[in-house]
Protein backbone atom coordinates (compact mmCIF):
# COMPACT_ATOMS: atom_id res chain seq x y z
CA MET A 1 89.40 95.42 70.90
CA VAL A 2 89.02 94.48 74.54
CA ILE A 3 89.65 96.90 77.42
CA ILE A 4 90.19 95.33 80.83
CA GLY A 5 89.10 97.59 83.68
CA ALA A 6 86.26 100.12 83.98
CA GLY A 7 87.98 102.80 85.99
CA VAL A 8 88.72 106.28 84.67
CA ALA A 9 91.34 105.03 82.18
CA GLY A 10 89.28 102.20 80.71
CA LEU A 11 86.02 104.14 80.50
CA THR A 12 87.69 107.22 79.01
CA LEU A 13 89.44 105.13 76.36
CA ALA A 14 86.23 103.27 75.52
CA THR A 15 84.30 106.55 75.26
CA PHE A 16 86.90 108.05 72.90
CA LEU A 17 86.88 104.91 70.74
CA ARG A 18 83.09 104.68 70.69
CA ARG A 19 82.88 108.36 69.73
CA SER A 20 85.29 107.58 66.84
CA GLY A 21 83.24 104.61 65.63
CA VAL A 22 85.71 101.98 66.82
CA SER A 23 84.19 98.86 68.39
CA CYS A 24 85.38 97.81 71.86
CA ILE A 25 84.27 95.77 74.85
CA VAL A 26 85.11 96.69 78.46
CA LEU A 27 85.44 93.95 81.09
CA GLU A 28 85.11 94.83 84.78
CA ARG A 29 85.27 92.48 87.77
CA ARG A 30 83.12 94.67 90.03
CA ASP A 31 79.46 95.66 89.61
CA ARG A 32 78.42 99.07 88.36
CA ALA A 33 77.08 100.23 91.72
CA THR A 34 80.44 99.62 93.42
CA ILE A 35 82.30 101.62 90.78
CA GLU A 36 79.83 104.48 91.00
CA VAL A 37 80.37 105.07 94.73
CA ARG A 38 84.14 104.51 94.99
CA GLN A 39 85.86 107.73 96.10
CA ARG A 40 89.25 108.50 94.58
CA ALA A 41 91.45 111.49 93.62
CA GLY A 42 89.77 114.71 92.65
CA VAL A 43 91.66 117.05 90.29
CA VAL A 44 91.59 116.91 86.48
CA GLU A 45 94.54 119.06 85.46
CA ALA A 46 94.28 121.69 82.72
CA ARG A 47 95.87 119.35 80.16
CA GLY A 48 93.15 116.80 80.89
CA VAL A 49 90.48 119.47 80.54
CA GLN A 50 91.94 120.43 77.15
CA MET A 51 91.90 116.76 76.15
CA PHE A 52 88.19 116.38 76.93
CA GLU A 53 87.50 119.66 75.11
CA ARG A 54 89.35 118.35 72.04
CA TRP A 55 87.27 115.15 72.08
CA GLY A 56 84.08 117.24 72.44
CA LEU A 57 83.24 115.82 75.88
CA ALA A 58 84.27 118.42 78.46
CA ASP A 59 80.77 119.87 78.95
CA LYS A 60 79.30 116.39 79.44
CA LEU A 61 81.95 114.89 81.69
CA LEU A 62 83.57 117.58 83.81
CA ALA A 63 82.03 119.35 86.75
CA GLY A 64 83.23 120.96 89.95
CA PRO A 65 84.96 124.26 90.69
CA VAL A 66 88.14 125.51 89.07
CA ALA A 67 91.23 124.38 91.00
CA HIS A 68 93.40 127.50 91.07
CA THR A 69 94.63 127.93 94.66
CA ILE A 70 96.46 125.95 97.33
CA ASP A 71 96.93 127.02 100.95
CA TYR A 72 100.50 125.97 101.73
CA ARG A 73 100.75 125.98 105.53
CA ILE A 74 103.76 125.64 107.82
CA ASN A 75 102.84 124.97 111.45
CA GLY A 76 99.47 126.65 110.99
CA VAL A 77 100.71 129.71 109.09
CA GLY A 78 99.19 129.74 105.62
CA ARG A 79 100.18 131.31 102.31
CA ILE A 80 97.84 131.11 99.35
CA PHE A 81 99.51 130.00 96.14
CA GLY A 82 97.49 131.24 93.18
CA VAL A 83 97.88 129.46 89.86
CA VAL A 84 99.28 131.85 87.25
CA ALA A 85 96.46 131.76 84.70
CA ASP A 86 97.08 132.37 81.01
CA GLY A 87 93.47 132.54 79.90
CA GLY A 88 93.38 128.90 78.77
CA SER A 89 91.72 125.85 80.29
CA GLN A 90 91.94 125.56 84.05
CA SER A 91 92.26 122.49 86.26
CA ARG A 92 89.00 121.28 87.81
CA PHE A 93 88.14 119.69 91.14
CA CYS A 94 86.27 116.80 89.55
CA THR A 95 86.41 113.66 91.69
CA GLN A 96 87.06 110.29 90.08
CA GLN A 97 83.66 109.20 91.36
CA MET A 98 81.99 112.08 89.52
CA LEU A 99 84.01 111.51 86.35
CA VAL A 100 83.36 107.74 86.39
CA ASN A 101 79.62 108.28 86.81
CA ASN A 102 79.56 110.76 83.94
CA LEU A 103 81.60 108.41 81.74
CA LEU A 104 79.27 105.50 82.50
CA ARG A 105 76.21 107.56 81.62
CA GLU A 106 77.79 108.80 78.39
CA LEU A 107 79.29 105.47 77.30
CA VAL A 108 76.62 103.01 78.46
CA ASP A 109 73.37 104.94 78.74
CA VAL A 110 73.80 107.42 75.87
CA MET A 111 76.17 105.70 73.42
CA SER A 112 75.10 102.09 74.19
CA GLY A 113 78.70 101.05 74.77
CA ASP A 114 79.44 97.45 75.76
CA VAL A 115 80.63 97.30 79.39
CA ARG A 116 80.39 93.89 81.04
CA PHE A 117 80.37 93.94 84.83
CA ASN A 118 80.87 91.15 87.39
CA VAL A 119 83.31 89.18 85.27
CA ALA A 120 85.81 86.72 86.73
CA ASP A 121 88.65 84.43 85.67
CA VAL A 122 89.95 86.89 83.05
CA MET A 123 92.82 85.45 81.02
CA ILE A 124 94.77 86.99 78.15
CA ARG A 125 96.09 85.16 75.11
CA ASN A 126 98.68 87.29 73.34
CA ASP A 127 100.74 84.80 71.30
CA LEU A 128 103.24 85.91 68.69
CA ASN A 129 101.52 84.26 65.70
CA GLY A 130 97.95 83.91 66.94
CA ARG A 131 95.09 86.39 67.12
CA PRO A 132 94.78 88.01 70.56
CA ALA A 133 91.91 86.83 72.73
CA VAL A 134 90.51 87.33 76.22
CA THR A 135 88.57 84.67 78.09
CA TYR A 136 86.38 85.32 81.14
CA SER A 137 83.45 83.92 83.06
CA ASP A 138 80.28 85.42 84.46
CA ALA A 139 76.88 84.25 85.71
CA ARG A 140 76.05 82.94 82.22
CA GLY A 141 79.17 80.81 81.85
CA GLU A 142 82.55 81.02 80.12
CA HIS A 143 83.28 83.29 77.16
CA GLU A 144 86.08 84.03 74.70
CA LEU A 145 86.58 87.32 72.88
CA ALA A 146 88.83 87.28 69.82
CA CYS A 147 90.14 90.78 69.12
CA GLY A 148 92.77 92.85 67.37
CA TYR A 149 94.15 94.61 70.44
CA ILE A 150 93.95 94.37 74.23
CA VAL A 151 94.33 97.33 76.57
CA GLY A 152 95.06 96.75 80.26
CA CYS A 153 93.48 99.44 82.43
CA ASP A 154 93.02 97.17 85.43
CA GLY A 155 95.36 98.78 87.92
CA ASN A 156 98.53 97.80 89.70
CA ARG A 157 97.35 94.31 90.71
CA GLY A 158 95.39 93.44 87.57
CA VAL A 159 95.79 90.51 85.22
CA SER A 160 97.01 92.57 82.27
CA ARG A 161 100.56 93.31 83.36
CA ALA A 162 100.73 89.95 85.16
CA SER A 163 100.11 88.22 81.81
CA ILE A 164 103.37 89.57 80.36
CA PRO A 165 106.20 87.00 80.60
CA ASP A 166 109.01 87.53 83.09
CA GLY A 167 111.97 89.44 81.69
CA VAL A 168 109.99 91.58 79.24
CA LEU A 169 109.35 94.53 81.55
CA THR A 170 111.79 96.51 83.65
CA SER A 171 110.26 97.98 86.82
CA TYR A 172 111.67 101.16 88.34
CA THR A 173 110.54 101.79 91.93
CA HIS A 174 111.12 104.50 94.53
CA GLU A 175 109.93 104.00 98.13
CA PHE A 176 109.56 107.08 100.34
CA GLY A 177 109.60 105.26 103.66
CA TYR A 178 106.32 106.58 105.04
CA ALA A 179 102.59 106.36 104.37
CA TRP A 180 99.41 108.44 104.46
CA LEU A 181 96.33 107.84 106.55
CA ALA A 182 93.55 108.86 104.13
CA ALA A 183 90.18 109.68 105.69
CA LEU A 184 87.02 110.66 103.82
CA VAL A 185 85.06 112.92 106.15
CA GLU A 186 81.72 114.66 106.17
CA ALA A 187 83.21 118.14 106.33
CA PRO A 188 83.69 120.38 103.29
CA VAL A 189 86.80 122.43 102.59
CA VAL A 190 86.25 125.92 103.94
CA GLY A 191 88.32 128.40 101.97
CA HIS A 192 91.21 126.91 100.01
CA PRO A 193 92.48 123.33 99.67
CA ILE A 194 95.25 122.77 102.22
CA MET A 195 98.71 121.22 101.84
CA GLY A 196 100.18 121.49 105.30
CA VAL A 197 103.68 121.16 106.75
CA SER A 198 103.89 120.45 110.44
CA ASP A 199 106.57 119.47 112.95
CA ARG A 200 104.28 116.49 113.64
CA GLY A 201 104.14 115.50 109.95
CA PHE A 202 102.29 116.30 106.73
CA VAL A 203 98.55 117.09 106.64
CA ALA A 204 96.26 117.95 103.72
CA GLN A 205 92.59 118.62 103.16
CA LEU A 206 91.21 118.37 99.61
CA PRO A 207 87.60 118.69 98.42
CA ARG A 208 85.52 115.65 97.48
CA GLY A 209 82.25 117.32 96.55
CA PRO A 210 80.15 120.04 98.21
CA LYS A 211 79.81 118.27 101.59
CA MET A 212 82.85 116.01 101.79
CA SER A 213 86.62 116.28 101.91
CA ARG A 214 89.52 113.92 102.32
CA TYR A 215 92.21 114.46 104.92
CA TYR A 216 95.67 112.98 104.51
CA LEU A 217 97.97 112.51 107.49
CA GLN A 218 101.57 111.33 107.26
CA CYS A 219 102.03 108.14 109.25
CA ALA A 220 104.41 105.22 109.68
CA LEU A 221 104.57 102.45 107.09
CA ASN A 222 103.63 99.85 109.67
CA ASP A 223 100.56 101.73 110.92
CA GLY A 224 97.22 99.96 110.51
CA LEU A 225 93.67 101.23 110.74
CA ALA A 226 93.53 100.09 114.36
CA ASP A 227 96.22 102.70 115.10
CA TRP A 228 93.97 105.45 113.81
CA PRO A 229 90.59 105.56 115.58
CA ASP A 230 88.41 108.49 114.54
CA GLN A 231 89.23 110.53 117.64
CA ARG A 232 92.97 110.29 116.99
CA ILE A 233 92.44 111.45 113.40
CA TRP A 234 90.67 114.62 114.50
CA ASP A 235 93.10 115.28 117.36
CA GLU A 236 96.03 115.00 114.96
CA ILE A 237 94.36 117.25 112.36
CA ARG A 238 93.90 119.96 114.97
CA LEU A 239 97.49 119.64 116.17
CA ARG A 240 99.05 119.66 112.69
CA LEU A 241 96.94 122.57 111.43
CA ARG A 242 97.11 124.32 114.81
CA GLU A 243 93.39 124.95 114.67
CA GLN A 244 91.72 123.80 117.88
CA THR A 245 88.32 125.04 116.65
CA ILE A 246 88.02 122.23 114.06
CA GLU A 247 85.12 120.01 115.10
CA ASN A 248 84.88 116.26 114.74
CA ALA A 249 82.76 115.03 111.85
CA ALA A 250 81.71 111.63 110.54
CA VAL A 251 84.55 109.59 109.03
CA HIS A 252 83.09 107.55 106.16
CA ASP A 253 86.13 105.49 105.26
CA LYS A 254 89.86 105.41 105.90
CA ASP A 255 92.89 103.66 104.53
CA VAL A 256 96.66 103.54 104.98
CA VAL A 257 98.48 104.25 101.70
CA PRO A 258 102.25 103.65 101.43
CA LEU A 259 103.89 106.36 99.32
CA ARG A 260 105.83 105.05 96.35
CA CYS A 261 106.50 105.68 92.66
CA VAL A 262 106.69 102.91 90.05
CA VAL A 263 107.20 102.84 86.28
CA HIS A 264 107.05 99.63 84.21
CA VAL A 265 108.88 99.79 80.88
CA PRO A 266 107.86 99.22 78.11
CA MET A 267 104.12 99.81 78.40
CA GLN A 268 103.27 97.31 75.66
CA TYR A 269 103.88 93.72 74.69
CA ARG A 270 102.84 92.45 71.27
CA ASN A 271 99.14 93.38 71.00
CA LEU A 272 98.70 94.25 74.69
CA PHE A 273 98.99 97.88 75.81
CA LEU A 274 99.09 99.09 79.42
CA ALA A 275 97.62 102.36 80.65
CA GLY A 276 97.25 104.11 83.99
CA ASP A 277 98.09 102.28 87.20
CA ALA A 278 98.74 99.07 85.27
CA ALA A 279 101.84 100.81 83.88
CA HIS A 280 102.87 103.32 86.55
CA LEU A 281 102.12 104.65 90.01
CA ALA A 282 102.86 108.20 91.18
CA SER A 283 102.89 109.33 94.79
CA PRO A 284 99.59 111.13 95.46
CA THR A 285 101.19 114.39 96.67
CA GLY A 286 101.44 115.69 93.12
CA ALA A 287 97.87 114.66 92.15
CA LYS A 288 99.15 113.09 88.92
CA GLY A 289 97.92 109.48 89.08
CA MET A 290 94.57 109.97 87.34
CA ASN A 291 96.03 112.61 85.04
CA LEU A 292 98.84 110.38 83.80
CA ALA A 293 96.22 107.71 83.06
CA LEU A 294 94.22 110.24 81.05
CA TYR A 295 97.35 111.19 79.10
CA ASP A 296 98.03 107.51 78.32
CA VAL A 297 94.55 106.83 76.96
CA ASP A 298 94.49 110.05 74.94
CA VAL A 299 97.65 108.97 73.08
CA LEU A 300 96.47 105.37 72.87
CA ALA A 301 93.00 106.24 71.58
CA GLN A 302 94.44 108.28 68.72
CA ALA A 303 96.86 105.46 67.84
CA LEU A 304 94.13 102.81 67.95
CA VAL A 305 91.80 104.86 65.76
CA ARG A 306 94.56 105.28 63.16
CA ALA A 307 95.34 101.56 63.30
CA VAL A 308 91.71 100.57 62.75
CA ARG A 309 90.71 103.25 60.25
CA ASP A 310 93.91 103.68 58.27
CA ARG A 311 95.75 100.40 58.96
CA ASP A 312 98.57 102.57 60.29
CA GLU A 313 100.12 101.02 63.41
CA THR A 314 102.95 103.54 63.75
CA GLY A 315 101.31 105.16 66.77
CA LEU A 316 100.86 101.81 68.49
CA THR A 317 104.43 100.76 67.77
CA ASN A 318 105.69 104.02 69.28
CA TYR A 319 103.20 104.14 72.18
CA SER A 320 105.71 103.56 74.99
CA ASP A 321 108.30 105.92 73.52
CA THR A 322 105.60 108.59 73.12
CA VAL A 323 104.17 108.54 76.64
CA LEU A 324 107.17 107.67 78.81
CA PRO A 325 108.96 111.06 78.60
CA HIS A 326 105.78 112.72 79.91
CA ILE A 327 105.41 110.10 82.64
CA TRP A 328 108.99 110.56 83.84
CA LYS A 329 108.62 114.33 83.88
CA TYR A 330 105.59 114.13 86.16
CA GLN A 331 107.13 111.42 88.29
CA GLU A 332 109.87 113.95 88.99
CA PHE A 333 107.23 116.54 89.93
CA SER A 334 105.51 114.03 92.23
CA VAL A 335 108.81 113.19 93.94
CA TRP A 336 109.63 116.91 94.29
CA MET A 337 106.24 117.59 95.87
CA THR A 338 106.44 114.57 98.17
CA ASP A 339 109.98 115.26 99.36
CA THR A 340 109.31 118.97 99.83
CA MET A 341 106.05 118.64 101.77
CA HIS A 342 107.35 115.86 104.04
CA ASP A 343 110.97 116.93 104.53
CA ALA A 344 109.74 120.41 105.47
CA GLY A 345 107.72 118.95 108.34
CA ASP A 346 108.81 116.44 110.97
CA PRO A 347 112.64 116.80 111.29
CA THR A 348 112.97 113.26 112.68
CA GLN A 349 112.27 111.98 109.15
CA HIS A 350 115.41 113.26 107.38
CA GLY A 351 116.96 115.80 109.75
CA THR A 352 116.81 119.55 110.36
CA PHE A 353 119.06 120.41 107.39
CA ARG A 354 116.64 118.74 104.92
CA GLN A 355 113.74 120.40 106.76
CA MET A 356 115.15 123.89 106.22
CA ILE A 357 116.11 123.18 102.60
CA ALA A 358 112.54 122.04 101.88
CA ARG A 359 111.08 125.12 103.55
CA ALA A 360 113.37 127.28 101.42
CA ARG A 361 111.90 125.58 98.34
CA LEU A 362 108.40 126.50 99.49
CA ASP A 363 109.49 130.10 100.16
CA ASN A 364 110.80 130.28 96.60
CA LEU A 365 107.32 129.64 95.20
CA PHE A 366 106.20 132.92 96.77
CA GLU A 367 109.35 134.95 96.15
CA SER A 368 110.26 134.02 92.57
CA SER A 369 107.86 134.56 89.68
CA THR A 370 109.92 132.10 87.62
CA ALA A 371 109.56 129.37 90.26
CA ALA A 372 105.85 130.14 90.63
CA ARG A 373 105.23 129.88 86.88
CA LEU A 374 107.09 126.58 86.58
CA HIS A 375 105.16 125.20 89.56
CA THR A 376 101.92 126.32 87.92
CA GLU A 377 102.81 124.68 84.59
CA LEU A 378 103.58 121.39 86.32
CA GLN A 379 100.41 121.52 88.42
CA ARG A 380 98.37 122.14 85.26
CA GLY A 381 100.17 119.42 83.31
CA LEU A 382 101.28 121.84 80.61
CA ASN A 383 105.05 121.74 81.08
């Protein structure tokens, strides 16, 4: 089979298949060095940790501290939410960069998996009566790969979903009406990760390794990077956290990210299967994007192994119906988190009534053990 895209979803799927003795080729348009340094989201939820443990890969792939607390702040006043542990696997602060590097070492360097970088002109042939095939070009020329199955793990703008004819998929979209300014800074999290509510808008600080963190600041949809010079970023962080002692640090990269949720249904067409961002996007407030991708490829890997080993395609036929209930559940959690953390802040967004309702929701997490346990289950991906 051919996997398009060497991000977390594609590399995880290829590693699972390779570990199961199933042949696959991964195509990636970027070079390995670019993938290895790209900074992305940083929490593997407990369900994902359990998945890697089940595949016998957790010790090799996962690193970073246990993610068990969040400092929920309202105008500088913090309350520490502690995850209600049950003795099982715990979520881990493991950045996508770290996980991708570990997957590349395991798949390519240890298991001699076939990952082809710097490819271009990828095209999918997925005819009803013909054998699936993928064509691409690289420095050596043009190539064609005949295969049994194709898996699109190439993100929201990749060729995989674009190859599906119009009218096959139904796309469900929710736009929040605001964006985040995301800034990777040379300043570690001191204490607990922060999810902050402020009258000036949302602010968060999440770890990205021992020396780095990423700040997120709510901003307007039409803001560009020119609107956010480094000094404004730090001034706004101090104002929203109400901590004037925070010192400026180097800003390594920044981006403006519109907040939206998208689900494309079904997640398969003939012998092409979509996973991760190629099939759905979740707003980043709930930290579910990477974790939904890991859920997809876990289900898909098991179905592909059964199809190849046992000639049983039941799991592939039912792939969309199997994963979509889980996806919708965690889309709801992502929307709940996004609405709560943003409505509770700047009242000019949706009004003072919505602000107070959202703050009451946050209070409930600390006053109701039932609410706290449900919140914990959803954070850990175990609901």
